[in-house]
């Protein structure tokens, strides 16, 4: 849902192309879906950090799938979850990989 929203609102991709783009990304990436344990962890993370619900769920999913690096440009996500997971900007990740 977050990806679909991003493609429509930020990338201005036509709704008719969205499912094609999502299917292409699904073939390249391992898409993780939260379960009830993830939501409980996200609740604890939100209590400790005051992150938004969706940000807390993203951190919880990454934490459960360590070693994982959460890639984001969201300033709050880059600052707060360092106690739980490794975070990086896309540019920082590319520098690390070189």
Protein backbone atom coordinates (compact mmCIF):
# COMPACT_ATOMS: atom_id res chain seq x y z
CA UNK A 1 0.00 0.00 0.00
CA UNK A 2 2.84 2.37 0.85
CA UNK A 3 4.56 1.60 -2.44
CA UNK A 4 1.37 2.14 -4.43
CA UNK A 5 0.81 5.48 -2.68
CA UNK A 6 4.41 6.53 -3.35
CA UNK A 7 4.18 5.66 -7.04
CA UNK A 8 0.95 7.58 -7.47
CA UNK A 9 1.68 10.66 -5.35
CA UNK A 10 5.43 11.18 -5.56
CA UNK A 11 6.38 9.59 -8.86
CA UNK A 12 3.16 10.67 -10.64
CA UNK A 13 2.86 7.29 -12.35
CA UNK A 14 -0.50 6.68 -14.00
CA UNK A 15 -2.78 4.34 -12.09
CA UNK A 16 -2.95 2.10 -15.15
CA UNK A 17 0.83 1.45 -14.87
CA UNK A 18 1.00 0.97 -11.11
CA UNK A 19 0.34 -2.79 -10.99
CA UNK A 20 2.87 -3.41 -13.77
CA UNK A 21 5.50 -1.44 -11.83
CA UNK A 22 4.67 -3.22 -8.56
CA UNK A 23 4.89 -6.64 -10.25
CA UNK A 24 8.28 -5.71 -11.71
CA UNK A 25 9.55 -4.61 -8.27
CA UNK A 26 8.17 -7.77 -6.67
CA UNK A 27 10.20 -9.85 -9.11
CA UNK A 28 13.39 -7.99 -8.11
CA UNK A 29 12.91 -7.55 -4.36
CA UNK A 30 11.90 -9.60 -1.37
CA UNK A 31 8.78 -7.79 -0.16
CA UNK A 32 8.18 -8.35 3.56
CA UNK A 33 4.71 -8.23 5.08
CA UNK A 34 4.16 -7.62 8.81
CA UNK A 35 2.57 -10.31 10.96
CA UNK A 36 1.11 -10.12 14.47
CA UNK A 37 4.54 -10.43 16.14
CA UNK A 38 5.85 -7.60 13.95
CA UNK A 39 2.94 -5.39 15.00
CA UNK A 40 3.64 -6.06 18.69
CA UNK A 41 7.29 -5.12 18.18
CA UNK A 42 6.23 -2.03 16.21
CA UNK A 43 4.01 -1.00 19.11
CA UNK A 44 6.96 -1.25 21.52
CA UNK A 45 9.19 0.70 19.12
CA UNK A 46 6.56 3.42 18.75
CA UNK A 47 6.20 3.68 22.53
CA UNK A 48 9.96 4.12 22.90
CA UNK A 49 10.55 6.44 19.94
CA UNK A 50 7.28 8.22 19.07
CA UNK A 51 7.67 7.17 15.42
CA UNK A 52 4.54 7.11 13.27
CA UNK A 53 2.74 3.75 13.01
CA UNK A 54 4.01 3.01 9.49
CA UNK A 55 7.58 4.01 10.40
CA UNK A 56 7.43 1.79 13.49
CA UNK A 57 6.25 -1.14 11.39
CA UNK A 58 9.07 -0.59 8.87
CA UNK A 59 11.66 -0.56 11.66
CA UNK A 60 10.13 -3.69 13.23
CA UNK A 61 10.19 -5.58 9.92
CA UNK A 62 13.82 -4.64 9.33
CA UNK A 63 14.70 -5.61 12.93
CA UNK A 64 13.10 -9.03 12.51
CA UNK A 65 15.03 -9.63 9.30
CA UNK A 66 18.51 -8.65 10.45
CA UNK A 67 21.03 -8.22 9.13
CA UNK A 68 19.03 -5.64 7.27
CA UNK A 69 19.58 -2.03 6.34
CA UNK A 70 16.59 0.27 6.13
CA UNK A 71 17.11 2.62 3.20
CA UNK A 72 15.28 5.92 3.50
CA UNK A 73 15.54 9.66 3.08
CA UNK A 74 13.06 10.22 5.91
CA UNK A 75 14.98 12.31 8.46
CA UNK A 76 13.13 10.82 11.42
CA UNK A 77 13.81 7.27 10.25
CA UNK A 78 17.48 8.10 9.71
CA UNK A 79 17.80 9.44 13.25
CA UNK A 80 15.61 7.43 15.62
CA UNK A 81 15.83 3.70 14.85
CA UNK A 82 19.62 3.35 15.09
CA UNK A 83 19.10 1.53 18.40
CA UNK A 84 17.16 -1.17 16.53
CA UNK A 85 18.57 -1.42 13.01
CA UNK A 86 21.11 0.01 10.63
CA UNK A 87 19.72 2.86 8.53
CA UNK A 88 21.15 4.62 5.50
CA UNK A 89 20.24 6.98 2.72
CA UNK A 90 20.31 5.52 -0.81
CA UNK A 91 23.43 7.60 -1.46
CA UNK A 92 25.10 6.36 1.73
CA UNK A 93 24.42 2.78 0.76
CA UNK A 94 25.95 3.29 -2.69
CA UNK A 95 29.06 4.81 -1.07
CA UNK A 96 29.32 1.84 1.31
CA UNK A 97 28.99 -0.64 -1.55
CA UNK A 98 31.76 0.95 -3.65
